[in-house]
Protein backbone atom coordinates (compact mmCIF):
# COMPACT_ATOMS: atom_id res chain seq x y z
CA MET A 1 37.99 103.67 65.18
CA PRO A 2 39.30 100.10 64.98
CA ALA A 3 42.19 99.20 62.73
CA GLN A 4 41.44 97.80 59.30
CA GLY A 5 40.35 94.17 59.46
CA GLN A 6 39.16 94.34 63.08
CA TYR A 7 35.56 93.77 64.05
CA GLN A 8 33.68 96.80 65.32
CA HIS A 9 31.23 95.86 68.09
CA ARG A 10 27.71 97.15 67.55
CA PRO A 11 24.92 97.04 70.08
CA PRO A 12 22.52 94.15 69.43
CA LEU A 13 19.35 96.16 70.15
CA PRO A 14 18.22 96.58 66.50
CA PHE A 15 18.77 92.87 65.87
CA VAL A 16 16.88 91.86 69.00
CA ALA A 17 14.02 94.27 68.28
CA GLY A 18 13.73 93.09 64.68
CA SER A 19 13.78 89.45 65.76
CA PHE A 20 11.03 90.09 68.30
CA VAL A 21 8.81 91.93 65.81
CA GLY A 22 9.43 89.26 63.16
CA ALA A 23 8.62 86.46 65.58
CA LEU A 24 5.34 88.12 66.58
CA ALA A 25 4.32 88.78 62.97
CA GLY A 26 5.34 85.26 61.95
CA ALA A 27 3.38 83.71 64.80
CA PHE A 28 0.18 85.40 63.67
CA LEU A 29 0.84 84.35 60.07
CA VAL A 30 1.69 80.73 60.82
CA VAL A 31 -1.47 80.05 62.81
CA GLN A 32 -3.57 81.15 59.83
CA ILE A 33 -1.83 78.94 57.24
CA PRO A 34 -3.42 75.49 56.73
CA ASP A 35 -1.43 72.54 58.03
CA ALA A 36 -0.96 71.04 54.58
CA TRP A 37 0.64 74.27 53.32
CA LEU A 38 3.08 74.35 56.23
CA LYS A 39 4.14 70.79 55.47
CA LEU A 40 4.59 71.65 51.80
CA ILE A 41 6.66 74.75 52.60
CA LEU A 42 8.87 72.87 55.05
CA GLY A 43 9.37 69.99 52.63
CA GLY A 44 10.28 72.36 49.82
CA PHE A 45 12.76 74.18 52.06
CA ILE A 46 14.45 70.92 53.03
CA LEU A 47 14.64 69.79 49.39
CA ALA A 48 16.10 73.17 48.37
CA LEU A 49 18.80 72.89 51.04
CA ALA A 50 19.65 69.37 49.89
CA ALA A 51 19.84 70.55 46.27
CA ILE A 52 22.22 73.35 47.22
CA LEU A 53 24.49 70.88 48.97
CA LEU A 54 24.49 68.63 45.90
CA VAL A 55 25.49 71.38 43.47
CA ALA A 56 28.10 73.11 45.68
CA ASP A 57 31.77 72.48 44.98
CA GLU A 58 35.03 72.86 46.90
CA LYS A 59 35.62 76.47 45.79
CA GLY A 60 32.45 77.74 47.42
CA MET A 61 30.60 78.00 44.14
CA ILE A 62 26.96 76.95 44.08
CA ALA A 63 25.51 76.23 40.63
CA GLY A 64 28.24 78.35 39.06
CA LEU A 65 27.61 81.36 41.31
CA ASP A 66 29.59 82.57 44.27
CA SER A 67 27.72 82.65 47.55
CA THR A 68 27.14 86.42 47.47
CA THR A 69 25.56 86.34 44.02
CA LEU A 70 23.44 83.35 44.97
CA GLY A 71 22.28 85.26 48.06
CA TYR A 72 21.24 88.23 45.91
CA VAL A 73 19.37 85.92 43.53
CA ALA A 74 17.58 84.24 46.45
CA LEU A 75 16.72 87.65 47.92
CA GLY A 76 15.33 88.85 44.60
CA LEU A 77 13.21 85.72 44.20
CA ALA A 78 11.93 86.02 47.77
CA LEU A 79 10.92 89.64 47.16
CA LEU A 80 9.24 88.66 43.91
CA VAL A 81 7.19 85.99 45.65
CA PHE A 82 6.37 88.33 48.56
CA ILE A 83 5.23 91.22 46.38
CA GLY A 84 3.49 88.95 43.87
CA GLY A 85 1.63 87.18 46.67
CA GLY A 86 0.42 90.49 48.04
CA MET A 87 -0.80 91.60 44.64
CA VAL A 88 -2.56 88.31 43.93
CA GLY A 89 -4.12 88.33 47.40
CA SER A 90 -5.45 91.84 47.00
CA TYR A 91 -7.11 91.08 43.64
CA ARG A 92 -8.46 87.64 44.55
CA GLY A 93 -12.19 87.29 44.02
CA ARG A 94 -12.65 90.37 41.84
């Protein structure tokens, strides 16, 4: 066991396998999305990154939140959109 504060090396196989599966799933999804939607998503992502840079300060706080809390908020919102999109998609046209 490494001493406290030292990095423990882990095999990269789970990361590589997850990246490969995600890339395959994403490739099938991206080819089905209309071109206008892809442009809108990319533009929104770029604007969101620019907004984060504008509201960040020297202490590592972004909009009054530390980076860990902001990450949890972003994760929660992403899950909300993902689950909500699945629910809306399954009930569309009924």
